[in-house]
């Protein structure tokens, strides 16, 4: 039963997450809330791992969550569930797009999907930044205004932002920044 549920949840995410892997994040938060398979903290760790490893983030996340929930077979089923809608839609579009390529309605649908995918990606990015930089429960429960901000993460984000704006740093491959961030995370013990 868990395998069917994994397939179903990730099929829905794959069907409606228009715009790529980051657009799946709002759906993953929803899955966490409804199923309890993982926490937001685990999701943040999964995002970091998925962004640091080769492959599409959505597929990496589905595999990771499926494996966490139901072992290796769960990882395979969740991944298949995530990519199934794309495969089905691409096959359908490929078959009929040649007929309707110049149709104003088809063009309007694709044009309308752009802001939706932008909003999903922006919401996912905001959620990740908020989760990493701020601890609202600490502010509400303890009234701790200074402890509410994760100062190490804020400093690292600002440092990376400034470094990436420098001419010499723009020539470096993004993998270097990922590796340096991982090293800094280990050295300065970013885990909470």
C-alpha atoms as a PDB file:
ATOM      1  CA  UNK A   1       0.000   0.000   0.000  1.00  0.00           C
ATOM      2  CA  UNK A   2       2.855   2.413   0.795  1.00  0.00           C
ATOM      3  CA  UNK A   3       4.216   1.902  -2.738  1.00  0.00           C
ATOM      4  CA  UNK A   4       0.901   2.839  -4.311  1.00  0.00           C
ATOM      5  CA  UNK A   5       0.674   5.911  -2.071  1.00  0.00           C
ATOM      6  CA  UNK A   6       4.239   6.944  -2.983  1.00  0.00           C
ATOM      7  CA  UNK A   7       3.452   6.594  -6.679  1.00  0.00           C
ATOM      8  CA  UNK A   8       0.208   8.552  -6.337  1.00  0.00           C
ATOM      9  CA  UNK A   9       1.727  11.423  -4.306  1.00  0.00           C
ATOM     10  CA  UNK A  10       4.671  11.855  -6.656  1.00  0.00           C
ATOM     11  CA  UNK A  11       2.498  11.451  -9.746  1.00  0.00           C
ATOM     12  CA  UNK A  12       0.437  14.429  -8.527  1.00  0.00           C
ATOM     13  CA  UNK A  13       3.602  16.423  -7.828  1.00  0.00           C
ATOM     14  CA  UNK A  14       4.966  15.605 -11.277  1.00  0.00           C
ATOM     15  CA  UNK A  15       1.672  16.461 -12.939  1.00  0.00           C
ATOM     16  CA  UNK A  16       1.282  19.907 -11.404  1.00  0.00           C
ATOM     17  CA  UNK A  17       4.863  21.059 -10.747  1.00  0.00           C
ATOM     18  CA  UNK A  18       5.262  23.042 -13.936  1.00  0.00           C
ATOM     19  CA  UNK A  19       8.676  24.651 -14.262  1.00  0.00           C
ATOM     20  CA  UNK A  20      11.156  22.032 -13.173  1.00  0.00           C
ATOM     21  CA  UNK A  21      12.516  20.529 -10.002  1.00  0.00           C
ATOM     22  CA  UNK A  22      12.290  23.549  -7.732  1.00  0.00           C
ATOM     23  CA  UNK A  23       8.612  23.834  -8.569  1.00  0.00           C
ATOM     24  CA  UNK A  24       8.101  20.466  -6.827  1.00  0.00           C
ATOM     25  CA  UNK A  25       9.080  21.914  -3.438  1.00  0.00           C
ATOM     26  CA  UNK A  26       5.642  23.312  -2.511  1.00  0.00           C
ATOM     27  CA  UNK A  27       4.197  19.872  -3.253  1.00  0.00           C
ATOM     28  CA  UNK A  28       6.877  18.218  -1.105  1.00  0.00           C
ATOM     29  CA  UNK A  29       5.972  20.498   1.821  1.00  0.00           C
ATOM     30  CA  UNK A  30       2.353  19.464   1.332  1.00  0.00           C
ATOM     31  CA  UNK A  31       3.280  15.762   1.249  1.00  0.00           C
ATOM     32  CA  UNK A  32       5.264  16.221   4.480  1.00  0.00           C
ATOM     33  CA  UNK A  33       2.263  17.871   6.154  1.00  0.00           C
ATOM     34  CA  UNK A  34      -0.246  15.246   5.042  1.00  0.00           C
ATOM     35  CA  UNK A  35       1.772  12.042   5.384  1.00  0.00           C
ATOM     36  CA  UNK A  36       4.335  12.734   8.103  1.00  0.00           C
ATOM     37  CA  UNK A  37       6.932  10.783   6.107  1.00  0.00           C
ATOM     38  CA  UNK A  38       9.573  13.449   6.799  1.00  0.00           C
ATOM     39  CA  UNK A  39       9.990  16.770   8.595  1.00  0.00           C
ATOM     40  CA  UNK A  40      10.761  20.193   7.161  1.00  0.00           C
ATOM     41  CA  UNK A  41      14.264  19.895   8.603  1.00  0.00           C
ATOM     42  CA  UNK A  42      14.777  16.608   6.775  1.00  0.00           C
ATOM     43  CA  UNK A  43      13.410  18.262   3.642  1.00  0.00           C
ATOM     44  CA  UNK A  44      15.962  21.077   3.975  1.00  0.00           C
ATOM     45  CA  UNK A  45      18.726  18.473   4.211  1.00  0.00           C
ATOM     46  CA  UNK A  46      17.301  16.685   1.175  1.00  0.00           C
ATOM     47  CA  UNK A  47      17.307  19.935  -0.789  1.00  0.00           C
ATOM     48  CA  UNK A  48      20.959  20.516   0.057  1.00  0.00           C
ATOM     49  CA  UNK A  49      21.899  16.970  -0.941  1.00  0.00           C
ATOM     50  CA  UNK A  50      19.772  17.039  -4.094  1.00  0.00           C
ATOM     51  CA  UNK A  51      21.250  20.365  -5.189  1.00  0.00           C
ATOM     52  CA  UNK A  52      24.776  19.057  -4.556  1.00  0.00           C
ATOM     53  CA  UNK A  53      24.419  15.835  -6.528  1.00  0.00           C
ATOM     54  CA  UNK A  54      24.135  15.336 -10.285  1.00  0.00           C
ATOM     55  CA  UNK A  55      20.672  15.140 -11.773  1.00  0.00           C
ATOM     56  CA  UNK A  56      17.418  17.017 -11.618  1.00  0.00           C
ATOM     57  CA  UNK A  57      16.475  18.187  -8.118  1.00  0.00           C
ATOM     58  CA  UNK A  58      12.886  16.937  -8.376  1.00  0.00           C
ATOM     59  CA  UNK A  59      13.980  13.448  -9.343  1.00  0.00           C
ATOM     60  CA  UNK A  60      16.690  13.404  -6.675  1.00  0.00           C
ATOM     61  CA  UNK A  61      14.149  14.494  -4.061  1.00  0.00           C
ATOM     62  CA  UNK A  62      11.606  11.869  -5.136  1.00  0.00           C
ATOM     63  CA  UNK A  63      14.240   9.149  -5.009  1.00  0.00           C
ATOM     64  CA  UNK A  64      15.492  10.303  -1.621  1.00  0.00           C
ATOM     65  CA  UNK A  65      12.027  10.570  -0.068  1.00  0.00           C
ATOM     66  CA  UNK A  66      10.909   7.257  -1.564  1.00  0.00           C
ATOM     67  CA  UNK A  67      14.016   5.547  -0.203  1.00  0.00           C
ATOM     68  CA  UNK A  68      13.601   7.196   3.202  1.00  0.00           C
ATOM     69  CA  UNK A  69       9.965   6.105   3.341  1.00  0.00           C
ATOM     70  CA  UNK A  70      10.034   2.601   1.847  1.00  0.00           C
ATOM     71  CA  UNK A  71      13.594   1.586   0.985  1.00  0.00           C
ATOM     72  CA  UNK A  72      15.148   1.178  -2.452  1.00  0.00           C
ATOM     73  CA  UNK A  73      11.924   0.013  -4.103  1.00  0.00           C
ATOM     74  CA  UNK A  74      10.164   3.047  -2.624  1.00  0.00           C
ATOM     75  CA  UNK A  75      12.820   5.298  -4.189  1.00  0.00           C
ATOM     76  CA  UNK A  76      12.296   3.722  -7.582  1.00  0.00           C
ATOM     77  CA  UNK A  77       8.495   3.932  -7.367  1.00  0.00           C
ATOM     78  CA  UNK A  78       8.492   7.563  -6.200  1.00  0.00           C
ATOM     79  CA  UNK A  79      10.839   8.483  -9.042  1.00  0.00           C
ATOM     80  CA  UNK A  80       8.690   6.694 -11.603  1.00  0.00           C
ATOM     81  CA  UNK A  81       5.619   8.424 -10.149  1.00  0.00           C
ATOM     82  CA  UNK A  82       7.265  11.841 -10.536  1.00  0.00           C
ATOM     83  CA  UNK A  83       8.342  11.357 -14.151  1.00  0.00           C
ATOM     84  CA  UNK A  84       5.238   9.481 -15.392  1.00  0.00           C
ATOM     85  CA  UNK A  85       3.111  12.603 -15.998  1.00  0.00           C
ATOM     86  CA  UNK A  86       5.921  14.259 -17.957  1.00  0.00           C
ATOM     87  CA  UNK A  87       6.360  11.218 -20.160  1.00  0.00           C
ATOM     88  CA  UNK A  88       2.618  10.936 -20.804  1.00  0.00           C
ATOM     89  CA  UNK A  89       2.217  14.654 -21.520  1.00  0.00           C
ATOM     90  CA  UNK A  90       5.272  14.789 -23.793  1.00  0.00           C
ATOM     91  CA  UNK A  91       3.993  11.832 -25.788  1.00  0.00           C
ATOM     92  CA  UNK A  92       0.564  13.461 -26.147  1.00  0.00           C
ATOM     93  CA  UNK A  93       1.957  16.864 -27.016  1.00  0.00           C
ATOM     94  CA  UNK A  94       4.422  15.365 -29.477  1.00  0.00           C
ATOM     95  CA  UNK A  95       1.588  13.596 -31.217  1.00  0.00           C
ATOM     96  CA  UNK A  96      -0.738  16.581 -31.476  1.00  0.00           C
ATOM     97  CA  UNK A  97       1.544  19.619 -31.395  1.00  0.00           C
ATOM     98  CA  UNK A  98       2.355  19.406 -35.055  1.00  0.00           C
ATOM     99  CA  UNK A  99      -1.380  19.741 -35.757  1.00  0.00           C
ATOM    100  CA  UNK A 100      -1.958  22.613 -33.332  1.00  0.00           C
ATOM    101  CA  UNK A 101       1.392  24.407 -33.430  1.00  0.00           C
ATOM    102  CA  UNK A 102      -0.112  27.643 -34.757  1.00  0.00           C
ATOM    103  CA  UNK A 103      -3.271  27.480 -32.639  1.00  0.00           C
ATOM    104  CA  UNK A 104      -3.703  30.676 -30.601  1.00  0.00           C
ATOM    105  CA  UNK A 105      -5.159  28.755 -27.640  1.00  0.00           C
ATOM    106  CA  UNK A 106      -2.217  26.361 -27.427  1.00  0.00           C
ATOM    107  CA  UNK A 107       0.177  29.296 -27.605  1.00  0.00           C
ATOM    108  CA  UNK A 108      -1.810  31.082 -24.874  1.00  0.00           C
ATOM    109  CA  UNK A 109      -1.661  28.041 -22.589  1.00  0.00           C
ATOM    110  CA  UNK A 110       2.128  27.860 -22.871  1.00  0.00           C
ATOM    111  CA  UNK A 111       2.423  31.601 -22.350  1.00  0.00           C
ATOM    112  CA  UNK A 112       0.186  31.394 -19.256  1.00  0.00           C
ATOM    113  CA  UNK A 113       2.264  28.611 -17.735  1.00  0.00           C
ATOM    114  CA  UNK A 114       5.344  30.853 -17.563  1.00  0.00           C
ATOM    115  CA  UNK A 115       4.193  33.038 -14.649  1.00  0.00           C
ATOM    116  CA  UNK A 116       2.807  30.001 -12.830  1.00  0.00           C
ATOM    117  CA  UNK A 117       6.144  28.203 -12.982  1.00  0.00           C
ATOM    118  CA  UNK A 118       7.960  31.396 -11.968  1.00  0.00           C
ATOM    119  CA  UNK A 119       5.698  31.756  -8.930  1.00  0.00           C
ATOM    120  CA  UNK A 120       6.185  28.123  -7.892  1.00  0.00           C
ATOM    121  CA  UNK A 121       9.971  28.442  -8.134  1.00  0.00           C
ATOM    122  CA  UNK A 122       9.964  31.773  -6.266  1.00  0.00           C
ATOM    123  CA  UNK A 123       7.773  30.309  -3.497  1.00  0.00           C
ATOM    124  CA  UNK A 124      10.106  27.341  -3.166  1.00  0.00           C
ATOM    125  CA  UNK A 125      13.156  29.599  -2.998  1.00  0.00           C
ATOM    126  CA  UNK A 126      11.523  31.828  -0.393  1.00  0.00           C
ATOM    127  CA  UNK A 127      10.572  28.797   1.713  1.00  0.00           C
ATOM    128  CA  UNK A 128      14.129  27.452   1.675  1.00  0.00           C
ATOM    129  CA  UNK A 129      15.624  30.841   2.592  1.00  0.00           C
ATOM    130  CA  UNK A 130      13.076  31.401   5.352  1.00  0.00           C
ATOM    131  CA  UNK A 131      13.576  27.908   6.788  1.00  0.00           C
ATOM    132  CA  UNK A 132      17.345  28.283   6.839  1.00  0.00           C
ATOM    133  CA  UNK A 133      17.746  31.883   7.999  1.00  0.00           C
ATOM    134  CA  UNK A 134      14.925  32.296  10.516  1.00  0.00           C
ATOM    135  CA  UNK A 135      13.522  30.250  13.407  1.00  0.00           C
ATOM    136  CA  UNK A 136      10.096  31.758  14.026  1.00  0.00           C
ATOM    137  CA  UNK A 137       9.277  29.277  16.817  1.00  0.00           C
ATOM    138  CA  UNK A 138      12.246  30.586  18.800  1.00  0.00           C
ATOM    139  CA  UNK A 139      10.900  34.116  18.495  1.00  0.00           C
ATOM    140  CA  UNK A 140       7.332  33.151  19.426  1.00  0.00           C
ATOM    141  CA  UNK A 141       8.146  30.696  22.224  1.00  0.00           C
ATOM    142  CA  UNK A 142      11.124  32.462  23.804  1.00  0.00           C
ATOM    143  CA  UNK A 143      10.849  36.027  22.530  1.00  0.00           C
ATOM    144  CA  UNK A 144      14.488  35.670  21.475  1.00  0.00           C
ATOM    145  CA  UNK A 145      14.976  38.358  18.820  1.00  0.00           C
ATOM    146  CA  UNK A 146      18.674  37.638  18.298  1.00  0.00           C
ATOM    147  CA  UNK A 147      18.389  33.839  18.385  1.00  0.00           C
ATOM    148  CA  UNK A 148      15.570  33.977  15.855  1.00  0.00           C
ATOM    149  CA  UNK A 149      18.122  34.669  13.089  1.00  0.00           C
ATOM    150  CA  UNK A 150      20.600  31.986  12.033  1.00  0.00           C
ATOM    151  CA  UNK A 151      23.604  34.311  11.927  1.00  0.00           C
ATOM    152  CA  UNK A 152      26.047  31.788  10.472  1.00  0.00           C
ATOM    153  CA  UNK A 153      23.753  31.036   7.549  1.00  0.00           C
ATOM    154  CA  UNK A 154      23.019  34.718   6.988  1.00  0.00           C
ATOM    155  CA  UNK A 155      26.731  35.545   6.981  1.00  0.00           C
ATOM    156  CA  UNK A 156      27.457  32.695   4.540  1.00  0.00           C
ATOM    157  CA  UNK A 157      24.625  33.778   2.221  1.00  0.00           C
ATOM    158  CA  UNK A 158      25.835  37.384   2.182  1.00  0.00           C
ATOM    159  CA  UNK A 159      29.451  36.298   1.662  1.00  0.00           C
ATOM    160  CA  UNK A 160      28.524  34.032  -1.255  1.00  0.00           C
ATOM    161  CA  UNK A 161      26.313  36.726  -2.771  1.00  0.00           C
ATOM    162  CA  UNK A 162      29.153  39.256  -2.633  1.00  0.00           C
ATOM    163  CA  UNK A 163      31.724  36.789  -3.930  1.00  0.00           C
ATOM    164  CA  UNK A 164      29.526  35.801  -6.856  1.00  0.00           C
ATOM    165  CA  UNK A 165      29.176  39.439  -7.887  1.00  0.00           C
ATOM    166  CA  UNK A 166      32.947  39.870  -8.175  1.00  0.00           C
ATOM    167  CA  UNK A 167      34.345  39.632 -11.730  1.00  0.00           C
ATOM    168  CA  UNK A 168      36.933  36.966 -10.956  1.00  0.00           C
ATOM    169  CA  UNK A 169      34.421  34.758  -9.140  1.00  0.00           C
ATOM    170  CA  UNK A 170      31.973  34.821 -12.039  1.00  0.00           C
ATOM    171  CA  UNK A 171      34.455  32.743 -14.022  1.00  0.00           C
ATOM    172  CA  UNK A 172      34.460  29.939 -11.447  1.00  0.00           C
ATOM    173  CA  UNK A 173      32.251  26.929 -11.945  1.00  0.00           C
ATOM    174  CA  UNK A 174      29.202  26.708  -9.590  1.00  0.00           C
ATOM    175  CA  UNK A 175      30.463  23.349  -8.313  1.00  0.00           C
ATOM    176  CA  UNK A 176      33.298  25.215  -6.596  1.00  0.00           C
ATOM    177  CA  UNK A 177      30.785  27.282  -4.631  1.00  0.00           C
ATOM    178  CA  UNK A 178      28.814  24.155  -3.701  1.00  0.00           C
ATOM    179  CA  UNK A 179      31.979  22.390  -2.525  1.00  0.00           C
ATOM    180  CA  UNK A 180      33.161  25.442  -0.553  1.00  0.00           C
ATOM    181  CA  UNK A 181      29.725  25.807   1.067  1.00  0.00           C
ATOM    182  CA  UNK A 182      29.762  22.131   2.055  1.00  0.00           C
ATOM    183  CA  UNK A 183      33.262  22.514   3.513  1.00  0.00           C
ATOM    184  CA  UNK A 184      32.259  25.648   5.446  1.00  0.00           C
ATOM    185  CA  UNK A 185      29.156  23.830   6.711  1.00  0.00           C
ATOM    186  CA  UNK A 186      31.296  21.022   8.082  1.00  0.00           C
ATOM    187  CA  UNK A 187      34.024  23.270   9.506  1.00  0.00           C
ATOM    188  CA  UNK A 188      31.656  25.694  11.218  1.00  0.00           C
ATOM    189  CA  UNK A 189      29.129  23.014  12.200  1.00  0.00           C
ATOM    190  CA  UNK A 190      26.036  24.416  10.528  1.00  0.00           C
ATOM    191  CA  UNK A 191      23.956  21.392  11.599  1.00  0.00           C
ATOM    192  CA  UNK A 192      21.654  22.292  14.437  1.00  0.00           C
END
